[in-house]
């Protein structure tokens, strides 16, 4: 169980690190700078990373799953969660410092240049 949770946590963390690596050329934009310095953004990100392994554990029902599968499931869960939230995001914005929750989720839906 612990190796599964650890592997899924590494997967979720790797997904977030790769996301920011992908955005490295856009970090000068005002919207991304606002997110980087938003305490709320990082709280949401850390919570998603912490909850991902538990959701993956419930998904697989505690069955015999390899660490590689746990890593991939851990990496996939935050993406599925963010896409789901952005699909149902309301027009009313909740403000995260200078950025909104919509800005947080739009990072994953806009085409890359």
PDB file of N, CA and C in Angstrom:
ATOM      1  N   UNK A   1       0.819  -1.185   0.000  1.00  0.00           N
ATOM      2  CA  UNK A   1       0.000   0.000   0.000  1.00  0.00           C
ATOM      3  C   UNK A   1       0.874   1.264   0.000  1.00  0.00           C
ATOM      4  N   UNK A   2       1.890   1.299   0.860  1.00  0.00           N
ATOM      5  CA  UNK A   2       2.720   2.493   0.975  1.00  0.00           C
ATOM      6  C   UNK A   2       3.506   2.745  -0.300  1.00  0.00           C
ATOM      7  N   UNK A   3       3.977   1.690  -0.938  1.00  0.00           N
ATOM      8  CA  UNK A   3       4.728   1.897  -2.179  1.00  0.00           C
ATOM      9  C   UNK A   3       3.792   2.434  -3.271  1.00  0.00           C
ATOM     10  N   UNK A   4       2.545   1.959  -3.285  1.00  0.00           N
ATOM     11  CA  UNK A   4       1.559   2.470  -4.239  1.00  0.00           C
ATOM     12  C   UNK A   4       1.327   3.961  -4.015  1.00  0.00           C
ATOM     13  N   UNK A   5       1.071   4.351  -2.761  1.00  0.00           N
ATOM     14  CA  UNK A   5       0.805   5.750  -2.449  1.00  0.00           C
ATOM     15  C   UNK A   5       2.009   6.638  -2.755  1.00  0.00           C
ATOM     16  N   UNK A   6       3.183   6.142  -2.460  1.00  0.00           N
ATOM     17  CA  UNK A   6       4.402   6.907  -2.728  1.00  0.00           C
ATOM     18  C   UNK A   6       4.620   7.079  -4.237  1.00  0.00           C
ATOM     19  N   UNK A   7       4.425   5.999  -4.981  1.00  0.00           N
ATOM     20  CA  UNK A   7       4.596   6.076  -6.440  1.00  0.00           C
ATOM     21  C   UNK A   7       3.565   7.016  -7.058  1.00  0.00           C
ATOM     22  N   UNK A   8       2.323   6.974  -6.589  1.00  0.00           N
ATOM     23  CA  UNK A   8       1.278   7.864  -7.107  1.00  0.00           C
ATOM     24  C   UNK A   8       1.573   9.319  -6.744  1.00  0.00           C
ATOM     25  N   UNK A   9       2.116   9.550  -5.555  1.00  0.00           N
ATOM     26  CA  UNK A   9       2.499  10.906  -5.148  1.00  0.00           C
ATOM     27  C   UNK A   9       3.615  11.427  -6.041  1.00  0.00           C
ATOM     28  N   UNK A  10       4.606  10.592  -6.322  1.00  0.00           N
ATOM     29  CA  UNK A  10       5.681  10.987  -7.235  1.00  0.00           C
ATOM     30  C   UNK A  10       5.124  11.294  -8.627  1.00  0.00           C
ATOM     31  N   UNK A  11       4.147  10.512  -9.065  1.00  0.00           N
ATOM     32  CA  UNK A  11       3.527  10.758 -10.372  1.00  0.00           C
ATOM     33  C   UNK A  11       2.824  12.103 -10.424  1.00  0.00           C
ATOM     34  N   UNK A  12       2.052  12.414  -9.382  1.00  0.00           N
ATOM     35  CA  UNK A  12       1.346  13.699  -9.338  1.00  0.00           C
ATOM     36  C   UNK A  12       2.331  14.865  -9.269  1.00  0.00           C
ATOM     37  N   UNK A  13       3.394  14.693  -8.496  1.00  0.00           N
ATOM     38  CA  UNK A  13       4.411  15.735  -8.385  1.00  0.00           C
ATOM     39  C   UNK A  13       5.146  15.911  -9.708  1.00  0.00           C
ATOM     40  N   UNK A  14       5.472  14.814 -10.367  1.00  0.00           N
ATOM     41  CA  UNK A  14       6.165  14.877 -11.658  1.00  0.00           C
ATOM     42  C   UNK A  14       5.307  15.590 -12.694  1.00  0.00           C
ATOM     43  N   UNK A  15       4.009  15.339 -12.684  1.00  0.00           N
ATOM     44  CA  UNK A  15       3.107  15.996 -13.618  1.00  0.00           C
ATOM     45  C   UNK A  15       3.138  17.509 -13.409  1.00  0.00           C
ATOM     46  N   UNK A  16       3.120  17.953 -12.167  1.00  0.00           N
ATOM     47  CA  UNK A  16       3.146  19.394 -11.892  1.00  0.00           C
ATOM     48  C   UNK A  16       4.493  20.009 -12.295  1.00  0.00           C
ATOM     49  N   UNK A  17       5.579  19.317 -11.995  1.00  0.00           N
ATOM     50  CA  UNK A  17       6.902  19.833 -12.378  1.00  0.00           C
ATOM     51  C   UNK A  17       7.046  19.908 -13.900  1.00  0.00           C
ATOM     52  N   UNK A  18       6.555  18.909 -14.609  1.00  0.00           N
ATOM     53  CA  UNK A  18       6.612  18.927 -16.067  1.00  0.00           C
ATOM     54  C   UNK A  18       5.730  20.023 -16.644  1.00  0.00           C
ATOM     55  N   UNK A  19       4.610  20.271 -15.994  1.00  0.00           N
ATOM     56  CA  UNK A  19       3.720  21.351 -16.423  1.00  0.00           C
ATOM     57  C   UNK A  19       4.451  22.692 -16.359  1.00  0.00           C
ATOM     58  N   UNK A  20       5.117  22.962 -15.231  1.00  0.00           N
ATOM     59  CA  UNK A  20       5.836  24.234 -15.096  1.00  0.00           C
ATOM     60  C   UNK A  20       7.065  24.279 -16.004  1.00  0.00           C
ATOM     61  N   UNK A  21       7.695  23.161 -16.243  1.00  0.00           N
ATOM     62  CA  UNK A  21       8.816  23.124 -17.181  1.00  0.00           C
ATOM     63  C   UNK A  21       8.330  23.492 -18.585  1.00  0.00           C
ATOM     64  N   UNK A  22       7.153  22.989 -18.940  1.00  0.00           N
ATOM     65  CA  UNK A  22       6.560  23.289 -20.235  1.00  0.00           C
ATOM     66  C   UNK A  22       6.236  24.777 -20.364  1.00  0.00           C
ATOM     67  N   UNK A  23       5.887  25.414 -19.262  1.00  0.00           N
ATOM     68  CA  UNK A  23       5.533  26.838 -19.272  1.00  0.00           C
ATOM     69  C   UNK A  23       6.738  27.762 -19.107  1.00  0.00           C
ATOM     70  N   UNK A  24       7.931  27.224 -19.031  1.00  0.00           N
ATOM     71  CA  UNK A  24       9.116  28.014 -18.701  1.00  0.00           C
ATOM     72  C   UNK A  24       9.311  29.224 -19.611  1.00  0.00           C
ATOM     73  N   UNK A  25       8.936  29.130 -20.862  1.00  0.00           N
ATOM     74  CA  UNK A  25       9.094  30.245 -21.783  1.00  0.00           C
ATOM     75  C   UNK A  25       8.027  31.310 -21.632  1.00  0.00           C
ATOM     76  N   UNK A  26       6.964  31.008 -20.905  1.00  0.00           N
ATOM     77  CA  UNK A  26       5.857  31.945 -20.743  1.00  0.00           C
ATOM     78  C   UNK A  26       5.807  32.562 -19.357  1.00  0.00           C
ATOM     79  N   UNK A  27       6.819  32.315 -18.532  1.00  0.00           N
ATOM     80  CA  UNK A  27       6.779  32.775 -17.146  1.00  0.00           C
ATOM     81  C   UNK A  27       6.808  34.293 -17.013  1.00  0.00           C
ATOM     82  N   UNK A  28       7.101  34.997 -18.078  1.00  0.00           N
ATOM     83  CA  UNK A  28       7.103  36.458 -18.010  1.00  0.00           C
ATOM     84  C   UNK A  28       5.692  37.034 -18.130  1.00  0.00           C
ATOM     85  N   UNK A  29       4.719  36.211 -18.514  1.00  0.00           N
ATOM     86  CA  UNK A  29       3.358  36.733 -18.664  1.00  0.00           C
ATOM     87  C   UNK A  29       2.780  37.123 -17.302  1.00  0.00           C
ATOM     88  N   UNK A  30       1.962  38.141 -17.342  1.00  0.00           N
ATOM     89  CA  UNK A  30       1.373  38.681 -16.109  1.00  0.00           C
ATOM     90  C   UNK A  30       0.521  37.631 -15.386  1.00  0.00           C
ATOM     91  N   UNK A  31      -0.252  36.868 -16.149  1.00  0.00           N
ATOM     92  CA  UNK A  31      -1.149  35.866 -15.553  1.00  0.00           C
ATOM     93  C   UNK A  31      -0.356  34.770 -14.832  1.00  0.00           C
ATOM     94  N   UNK A  32       0.717  34.289 -15.449  1.00  0.00           N
ATOM     95  CA  UNK A  32       1.522  33.244 -14.812  1.00  0.00           C
ATOM     96  C   UNK A  32       2.282  33.776 -13.600  1.00  0.00           C
ATOM     97  N   UNK A  33       2.767  34.998 -13.689  1.00  0.00           N
ATOM     98  CA  UNK A  33       3.442  35.587 -12.523  1.00  0.00           C
ATOM     99  C   UNK A  33       2.476  35.694 -11.349  1.00  0.00           C
ATOM    100  N   UNK A  34       1.234  36.066 -11.650  1.00  0.00           N
ATOM    101  CA  UNK A  34       0.232  36.164 -10.583  1.00  0.00           C
ATOM    102  C   UNK A  34      -0.009  34.800  -9.942  1.00  0.00           C
ATOM    103  N   UNK A  35      -0.042  33.744 -10.754  1.00  0.00           N
ATOM    104  CA  UNK A  35      -0.242  32.401 -10.201  1.00  0.00           C
ATOM    105  C   UNK A  35       0.944  31.944  -9.372  1.00  0.00           C
ATOM    106  N   UNK A  36       2.140  32.228  -9.846  1.00  0.00           N
ATOM    107  CA  UNK A  36       3.341  31.803  -9.125  1.00  0.00           C
ATOM    108  C   UNK A  36       3.363  32.377  -7.711  1.00  0.00           C
ATOM    109  N   UNK A  37       2.918  33.606  -7.565  1.00  0.00           N
ATOM    110  CA  UNK A  37       2.963  34.259  -6.258  1.00  0.00           C
ATOM    111  C   UNK A  37       1.664  34.148  -5.474  1.00  0.00           C
ATOM    112  N   UNK A  38       0.711  33.392  -5.984  1.00  0.00           N
ATOM    113  CA  UNK A  38      -0.569  33.222  -5.300  1.00  0.00           C
ATOM    114  C   UNK A  38      -0.491  32.079  -4.291  1.00  0.00           C
ATOM    115  N   UNK A  39      -0.696  32.401  -3.030  1.00  0.00           N
ATOM    116  CA  UNK A  39      -0.678  31.371  -1.985  1.00  0.00           C
ATOM    117  C   UNK A  39      -1.805  30.366  -2.214  1.00  0.00           C
ATOM    118  N   UNK A  40      -2.952  30.840  -2.645  1.00  0.00           N
ATOM    119  CA  UNK A  40      -4.097  29.955  -2.889  1.00  0.00           C
ATOM    120  C   UNK A  40      -3.800  28.946  -3.989  1.00  0.00           C
ATOM    121  N   UNK A  41      -3.113  29.385  -5.028  1.00  0.00           N
ATOM    122  CA  UNK A  41      -2.746  28.482  -6.119  1.00  0.00           C
ATOM    123  C   UNK A  41      -1.916  27.318  -5.590  1.00  0.00           C
ATOM    124  N   UNK A  42      -0.920  27.626  -4.778  1.00  0.00           N
ATOM    125  CA  UNK A  42      -0.028  26.581  -4.279  1.00  0.00           C
ATOM    126  C   UNK A  42      -0.733  25.687  -3.271  1.00  0.00           C
ATOM    127  N   UNK A  43      -1.677  26.215  -2.516  1.00  0.00           N
ATOM    128  CA  UNK A  43      -2.458  25.378  -1.601  1.00  0.00           C
ATOM    129  C   UNK A  43      -3.285  24.377  -2.406  1.00  0.00           C
ATOM    130  N   UNK A  44      -3.946  24.842  -3.462  1.00  0.00           N
ATOM    131  CA  UNK A  44      -4.732  23.944  -4.316  1.00  0.00           C
ATOM    132  C   UNK A  44      -3.834  22.896  -4.950  1.00  0.00           C
ATOM    133  N   UNK A  45      -2.682  23.321  -5.458  1.00  0.00           N
ATOM    134  CA  UNK A  45      -1.755  22.392  -6.111  1.00  0.00           C
ATOM    135  C   UNK A  45      -1.276  21.318  -5.141  1.00  0.00           C
ATOM    136  N   UNK A  46      -0.895  21.717  -3.947  1.00  0.00           N
ATOM    137  CA  UNK A  46      -0.414  20.749  -2.948  1.00  0.00           C
ATOM    138  C   UNK A  46      -1.533  19.813  -2.530  1.00  0.00           C
ATOM    139  N   UNK A  47      -2.739  20.331  -2.358  1.00  0.00           N
ATOM    140  CA  UNK A  47      -3.873  19.463  -2.005  1.00  0.00           C
ATOM    141  C   UNK A  47      -4.157  18.444  -3.099  1.00  0.00           C
ATOM    142  N   UNK A  48      -4.104  18.869  -4.352  1.00  0.00           N
ATOM    143  CA  UNK A  48      -4.345  17.931  -5.454  1.00  0.00           C
ATOM    144  C   UNK A  48      -3.259  16.853  -5.470  1.00  0.00           C
ATOM    145  N   UNK A  49      -2.010  17.240  -5.244  1.00  0.00           N
ATOM    146  CA  UNK A  49      -0.920  16.260  -5.207  1.00  0.00           C
ATOM    147  C   UNK A  49      -1.115  15.289  -4.048  1.00  0.00           C
ATOM    148  N   UNK A  50      -1.601  15.773  -2.912  1.00  0.00           N
ATOM    149  CA  UNK A  50      -1.799  14.900  -1.749  1.00  0.00           C
ATOM    150  C   UNK A  50      -3.023  14.000  -1.890  1.00  0.00           C
ATOM    151  N   UNK A  51      -4.061  14.481  -2.568  1.00  0.00           N
ATOM    152  CA  UNK A  51      -5.297  13.707  -2.707  1.00  0.00           C
ATOM    153  C   UNK A  51      -5.206  12.705  -3.856  1.00  0.00           C
ATOM    154  N   UNK A  52      -4.397  13.002  -4.860  1.00  0.00           N
ATOM    155  CA  UNK A  52      -4.285  12.121  -6.026  1.00  0.00           C
ATOM    156  C   UNK A  52      -3.990  10.665  -5.677  1.00  0.00           C
ATOM    157  N   UNK A  53      -2.994  10.386  -4.825  1.00  0.00           N
ATOM    158  CA  UNK A  53      -2.723   8.978  -4.504  1.00  0.00           C
ATOM    159  C   UNK A  53      -3.909   8.280  -3.824  1.00  0.00           C
ATOM    160  N   UNK A  54      -4.616   9.010  -2.985  1.00  0.00           N
ATOM    161  CA  UNK A  54      -5.772   8.397  -2.311  1.00  0.00           C
ATOM    162  C   UNK A  54      -6.883   8.081  -3.307  1.00  0.00           C
ATOM    163  N   UNK A  55      -7.125   8.994  -4.238  1.00  0.00           N
ATOM    164  CA  UNK A  55      -8.138   8.737  -5.261  1.00  0.00           C
ATOM    165  C   UNK A  55      -7.733   7.569  -6.153  1.00  0.00           C
ATOM    166  N   UNK A  56      -6.459   7.497  -6.472  1.00  0.00           N
ATOM    167  CA  UNK A  56      -5.968   6.361  -7.268  1.00  0.00           C
ATOM    168  C   UNK A  56      -6.114   5.057  -6.495  1.00  0.00           C
ATOM    169  N   UNK A  57      -5.859   5.111  -5.213  1.00  0.00           N
ATOM    170  CA  UNK A  57      -5.998   3.925  -4.371  1.00  0.00           C
ATOM    171  C   UNK A  57      -7.444   3.431  -4.388  1.00  0.00           C
ATOM    172  N   UNK A  58      -8.394   4.368  -4.265  1.00  0.00           N
ATOM    173  CA  UNK A  58      -9.807   3.994  -4.308  1.00  0.00           C
ATOM    174  C   UNK A  58     -10.198   3.498  -5.692  1.00  0.00           C
ATOM    175  N   UNK A  59      -9.623   4.062  -6.722  1.00  0.00           N
ATOM    176  CA  UNK A  59      -9.920   3.647  -8.090  1.00  0.00           C
ATOM    177  C   UNK A  59      -9.520   2.197  -8.325  1.00  0.00           C
ATOM    178  N   UNK A  60      -8.332   1.828  -7.852  1.00  0.00           N
ATOM    179  CA  UNK A  60      -7.849   0.466  -8.060  1.00  0.00           C
ATOM    180  C   UNK A  60      -8.309  -0.486  -6.971  1.00  0.00           C
ATOM    181  N   UNK A  61      -8.969   0.013  -5.955  1.00  0.00           N
ATOM    182  CA  UNK A  61      -9.524  -0.840  -4.916  1.00  0.00           C
ATOM    183  C   UNK A  61      -8.489  -1.565  -4.078  1.00  0.00           C
ATOM    184  N   UNK A  62      -7.304  -1.056  -4.035  1.00  0.00           N
ATOM    185  CA  UNK A  62      -6.268  -1.691  -3.227  1.00  0.00           C
ATOM    186  C   UNK A  62      -5.764  -2.996  -3.815  1.00  0.00           C
ATOM    187  N   UNK A  63      -6.089  -3.252  -5.068  1.00  0.00           N
ATOM    188  CA  UNK A  63      -5.635  -4.479  -5.709  1.00  0.00           C
ATOM    189  C   UNK A  63      -4.148  -4.456  -6.006  1.00  0.00           C
ATOM    190  N   UNK A  64      -3.648  -5.565  -6.488  1.00  0.00           N
ATOM    191  CA  UNK A  64      -2.226  -5.679  -6.802  1.00  0.00           C
ATOM    192  C   UNK A  64      -1.947  -4.894  -8.085  1.00  0.00           C
ATOM    193  N   UNK A  65      -1.305  -3.742  -7.912  1.00  0.00           N
ATOM    194  CA  UNK A  65      -0.978  -2.868  -9.030  1.00  0.00           C
ATOM    195  C   UNK A  65       0.505  -2.543  -8.941  1.00  0.00           C
ATOM    196  N   UNK A  66       1.155  -2.518 -10.091  1.00  0.00           N
ATOM    197  CA  UNK A  66       2.589  -2.220 -10.084  1.00  0.00           C
ATOM    198  C   UNK A  66       2.836  -0.758  -9.727  1.00  0.00           C
ATOM    199  N   UNK A  67       4.050  -0.471  -9.286  1.00  0.00           N
ATOM    200  CA  UNK A  67       4.421   0.910  -8.969  1.00  0.00           C
ATOM    201  C   UNK A  67       4.396   1.789 -10.216  1.00  0.00           C
ATOM    202  N   UNK A  68       4.692   1.216 -11.375  1.00  0.00           N
ATOM    203  CA  UNK A  68       4.650   1.980 -12.612  1.00  0.00           C
ATOM    204  C   UNK A  68       3.219   2.432 -12.911  1.00  0.00           C
ATOM    205  N   UNK A  69       2.262   1.546 -12.697  1.00  0.00           N
ATOM    206  CA  UNK A  69       0.860   1.897 -12.903  1.00  0.00           C
ATOM    207  C   UNK A  69       0.421   2.952 -11.895  1.00  0.00           C
ATOM    208  N   UNK A  70       0.873   2.812 -10.652  1.00  0.00           N
ATOM    209  CA  UNK A  70       0.541   3.799  -9.624  1.00  0.00           C
ATOM    210  C   UNK A  70       1.123   5.161  -9.990  1.00  0.00           C
ATOM    211  N   UNK A  71       2.355   5.185 -10.496  1.00  0.00           N
ATOM    212  CA  UNK A  71       2.990   6.438 -10.915  1.00  0.00           C
ATOM    213  C   UNK A  71       2.176   7.105 -12.021  1.00  0.00           C
ATOM    214  N   UNK A  72       1.788   6.322 -13.041  1.00  0.00           N
ATOM    215  CA  UNK A  72       1.019   6.870 -14.156  1.00  0.00           C
ATOM    216  C   UNK A  72      -0.368   7.329 -13.721  1.00  0.00           C
ATOM    217  N   UNK A  73      -1.010   6.567 -12.850  1.00  0.00           N
ATOM    218  CA  UNK A  73      -2.330   6.970 -12.342  1.00  0.00           C
ATOM    219  C   UNK A  73      -2.204   8.239 -11.507  1.00  0.00           C
ATOM    220  N   UNK A  74      -1.169   8.331 -10.711  1.00  0.00           N
ATOM    221  CA  UNK A  74      -0.936   9.530  -9.911  1.00  0.00           C
ATOM    222  C   UNK A  74      -0.696  10.752 -10.783  1.00  0.00           C
ATOM    223  N   UNK A  75      -0.002  10.572 -11.897  1.00  0.00           N
ATOM    224  CA  UNK A  75       0.248  11.675 -12.823  1.00  0.00           C
ATOM    225  C   UNK A  75      -1.014  12.051 -13.589  1.00  0.00           C
ATOM    226  N   UNK A  76      -1.861  11.074 -13.870  1.00  0.00           N
ATOM    227  CA  UNK A  76      -3.071  11.334 -14.660  1.00  0.00           C
ATOM    228  C   UNK A  76      -4.177  11.993 -13.845  1.00  0.00           C
ATOM    229  N   UNK A  77      -4.280  11.651 -12.574  1.00  0.00           N
ATOM    230  CA  UNK A  77      -5.404  12.160 -11.789  1.00  0.00           C
ATOM    231  C   UNK A  77      -5.472  13.682 -11.740  1.00  0.00           C
ATOM    232  N   UNK A  78      -4.372  14.402 -11.474  1.00  0.00           N
ATOM    233  CA  UNK A  78      -4.480  15.868 -11.447  1.00  0.00           C
ATOM    234  C   UNK A  78      -4.946  16.450 -12.779  1.00  0.00           C
ATOM    235  N   UNK A  79      -4.518  15.852 -13.887  1.00  0.00           N
ATOM    236  CA  UNK A  79      -4.947  16.342 -15.198  1.00  0.00           C
ATOM    237  C   UNK A  79      -6.444  16.131 -15.399  1.00  0.00           C
ATOM    238  N   UNK A  80      -6.940  14.966 -15.034  1.00  0.00           N
ATOM    239  CA  UNK A  80      -8.366  14.685 -15.162  1.00  0.00           C
ATOM    240  C   UNK A  80      -9.165  15.619 -14.255  1.00  0.00           C
ATOM    241  N   UNK A  81      -8.688  15.816 -13.041  1.00  0.00           N
ATOM    242  CA  UNK A  81      -9.353  16.717 -12.096  1.00  0.00           C
ATOM    243  C   UNK A  81      -9.410  18.147 -12.647  1.00  0.00           C
ATOM    244  N   UNK A  82      -8.285  18.659 -13.125  1.00  0.00           N
ATOM    245  CA  UNK A  82      -8.233  20.037 -13.633  1.00  0.00           C
ATOM    246  C   UNK A  82      -9.106  20.212 -14.863  1.00  0.00           C
ATOM    247  N   UNK A  83      -9.089  19.240 -15.764  1.00  0.00           N
ATOM    248  CA  UNK A  83      -9.937  19.318 -16.956  1.00  0.00           C
ATOM    249  C   UNK A  83     -11.408  19.268 -16.572  1.00  0.00           C
ATOM    250  N   UNK A  84     -11.748  18.429 -15.608  1.00  0.00           N
ATOM    251  CA  UNK A  84     -13.132  18.341 -15.143  1.00  0.00           C
ATOM    252  C   UNK A  84     -13.610  19.639 -14.524  1.00  0.00           C
ATOM    253  N   UNK A  85     -12.790  20.236 -13.706  1.00  0.00           N
ATOM    254  CA  UNK A  85     -13.171  21.498 -13.074  1.00  0.00           C
ATOM    255  C   UNK A  85     -13.283  22.600 -14.121  1.00  0.00           C
ATOM    256  N   UNK A  86     -12.342  22.660 -15.052  1.00  0.00           N
ATOM    257  CA  UNK A  86     -12.400  23.719 -16.063  1.00  0.00           C
ATOM    258  C   UNK A  86     -13.616  23.555 -16.969  1.00  0.00           C
ATOM    259  N   UNK A  87     -14.065  22.338 -17.185  1.00  0.00           N
ATOM    260  CA  UNK A  87     -15.241  22.111 -18.014  1.00  0.00           C
ATOM    261  C   UNK A  87     -16.507  22.633 -17.344  1.00  0.00           C
ATOM    262  N   UNK A  88     -16.522  22.622 -16.030  1.00  0.00           N
ATOM    263  CA  UNK A  88     -17.710  23.051 -15.295  1.00  0.00           C
ATOM    264  C   UNK A  88     -17.516  24.377 -14.567  1.00  0.00           C
ATOM    265  N   UNK A  89     -16.404  25.069 -14.850  1.00  0.00           N
ATOM    266  CA  UNK A  89     -16.134  26.345 -14.178  1.00  0.00           C
ATOM    267  C   UNK A  89     -17.221  27.348 -14.554  1.00  0.00           C
ATOM    268  N   UNK A  90     -17.681  28.054 -13.557  1.00  0.00           N
ATOM    269  CA  UNK A  90     -18.725  29.042 -13.804  1.00  0.00           C
ATOM    270  C   UNK A  90     -18.115  30.328 -14.342  1.00  0.00           C
ATOM    271  N   UNK A  91     -18.960  31.187 -14.836  1.00  0.00           N
ATOM    272  CA  UNK A  91     -18.519  32.482 -15.340  1.00  0.00           C
ATOM    273  C   UNK A  91     -18.122  33.402 -14.188  1.00  0.00           C
ATOM    274  N   UNK A  92     -18.703  33.182 -12.995  1.00  0.00           N
ATOM    275  CA  UNK A  92     -18.342  33.986 -11.836  1.00  0.00           C
ATOM    276  C   UNK A  92     -16.980  33.535 -11.355  1.00  0.00           C
ATOM    277  N   UNK A  93     -16.077  34.466 -11.232  1.00  0.00           N
ATOM    278  CA  UNK A  93     -14.702  34.166 -10.897  1.00  0.00           C
ATOM    279  C   UNK A  93     -14.458  34.270  -9.400  1.00  0.00           C
ATOM    280  N   UNK A  94     -13.710  33.324  -8.867  1.00  0.00           N
ATOM    281  CA  UNK A  94     -13.190  33.426  -7.520  1.00  0.00           C
ATOM    282  C   UNK A  94     -11.753  33.904  -7.668  1.00  0.00           C
ATOM    283  N   UNK A  95     -11.393  34.940  -6.956  1.00  0.00           N
ATOM    284  CA  UNK A  95     -10.095  35.567  -7.165  1.00  0.00           C
ATOM    285  C   UNK A  95      -9.020  34.895  -6.327  1.00  0.00           C
ATOM    286  N   UNK A  96      -7.891  34.577  -6.967  1.00  0.00           N
ATOM    287  CA  UNK A  96      -6.706  34.040  -6.306  1.00  0.00           C
ATOM    288  C   UNK A  96      -5.610  35.093  -6.417  1.00  0.00           C
ATOM    289  N   UNK A  97      -5.611  36.042  -5.528  1.00  0.00           N
ATOM    290  CA  UNK A  97      -4.654  37.138  -5.649  1.00  0.00           C
ATOM    291  C   UNK A  97      -5.001  37.924  -6.891  1.00  0.00           C
ATOM    292  N   UNK A  98      -4.072  38.037  -7.830  1.00  0.00           N
ATOM    293  CA  UNK A  98      -4.336  38.733  -9.083  1.00  0.00           C
ATOM    294  C   UNK A  98      -4.846  37.780 -10.165  1.00  0.00           C
ATOM    295  N   UNK A  99      -4.872  36.495  -9.873  1.00  0.00           N
ATOM    296  CA  UNK A  99      -5.330  35.505 -10.838  1.00  0.00           C
ATOM    297  C   UNK A  99      -6.616  34.869 -10.303  1.00  0.00           C
ATOM    298  N   UNK A 100      -7.397  34.301 -11.202  1.00  0.00           N
ATOM    299  CA  UNK A 100      -8.635  33.655 -10.794  1.00  0.00           C
ATOM    300  C   UNK A 100      -8.492  32.137 -10.882  1.00  0.00           C
ATOM    301  N   UNK A 101      -9.446  31.437 -10.312  1.00  0.00           N
ATOM    302  CA  UNK A 101      -9.457  29.972 -10.423  1.00  0.00           C
ATOM    303  C   UNK A 101      -9.559  29.585 -11.892  1.00  0.00           C
ATOM    304  N   UNK A 102     -10.310  30.360 -12.656  1.00  0.00           N
ATOM    305  CA  UNK A 102     -10.421  30.085 -14.090  1.00  0.00           C
ATOM    306  C   UNK A 102      -9.045  30.159 -14.751  1.00  0.00           C
ATOM    307  N   UNK A 103      -8.220  31.146 -14.356  1.00  0.00           N
ATOM    308  CA  UNK A 103      -6.854  31.247 -14.893  1.00  0.00           C
ATOM    309  C   UNK A 103      -6.059  29.991 -14.588  1.00  0.00           C
ATOM    310  N   UNK A 104      -6.229  29.470 -13.385  1.00  0.00           N
ATOM    311  CA  UNK A 104      -5.516  28.252 -12.974  1.00  0.00           C
ATOM    312  C   UNK A 104      -5.848  27.102 -13.907  1.00  0.00           C
ATOM    313  N   UNK A 105      -7.122  26.913 -14.195  1.00  0.00           N
ATOM    314  CA  UNK A 105      -7.525  25.779 -15.009  1.00  0.00           C
ATOM    315  C   UNK A 105      -7.360  26.038 -16.504  1.00  0.00           C
ATOM    316  N   UNK A 106      -7.360  27.284 -16.932  1.00  0.00           N
ATOM    317  CA  UNK A 106      -7.145  27.585 -18.339  1.00  0.00           C
ATOM    318  C   UNK A 106      -5.718  27.296 -18.779  1.00  0.00           C
ATOM    319  N   UNK A 107      -4.805  27.222 -17.818  1.00  0.00           N
ATOM    320  CA  UNK A 107      -3.422  26.883 -18.155  1.00  0.00           C
ATOM    321  C   UNK A 107      -3.352  25.553 -18.891  1.00  0.00           C
ATOM    322  N   UNK A 108      -4.311  24.684 -18.636  1.00  0.00           N
ATOM    323  CA  UNK A 108      -4.262  23.335 -19.184  1.00  0.00           C
ATOM    324  C   UNK A 108      -5.106  23.183 -20.445  1.00  0.00           C
ATOM    325  N   UNK A 109      -5.879  24.218 -20.793  1.00  0.00           N
ATOM    326  CA  UNK A 109      -6.776  24.067 -21.934  1.00  0.00           C
ATOM    327  C   UNK A 109      -6.362  24.885 -23.126  1.00  0.00           C
ATOM    328  N   UNK A 110      -5.422  25.820 -22.957  1.00  0.00           N
ATOM    329  CA  UNK A 110      -5.003  26.651 -24.078  1.00  0.00           C
ATOM    330  C   UNK A 110      -3.924  25.943 -24.885  1.00  0.00           C
ATOM    331  N   UNK A 111      -4.008  26.086 -26.207  1.00  0.00           N
ATOM    332  CA  UNK A 111      -2.967  25.461 -27.043  1.00  0.00           C
ATOM    333  C   UNK A 111      -1.611  26.094 -26.785  1.00  0.00           C
ATOM    334  N   UNK A 112      -0.579  25.287 -26.899  1.00  0.00           N
ATOM    335  CA  UNK A 112       0.782  25.761 -26.653  1.00  0.00           C
ATOM    336  C   UNK A 112       1.333  26.393 -27.930  1.00  0.00           C
ATOM    337  N   UNK A 113       2.093  27.465 -27.741  1.00  0.00           N
ATOM    338  CA  UNK A 113       2.701  28.143 -28.889  1.00  0.00           C
ATOM    339  C   UNK A 113       4.000  27.480 -29.282  1.00  0.00           C
TER     340      UNK A 113
END
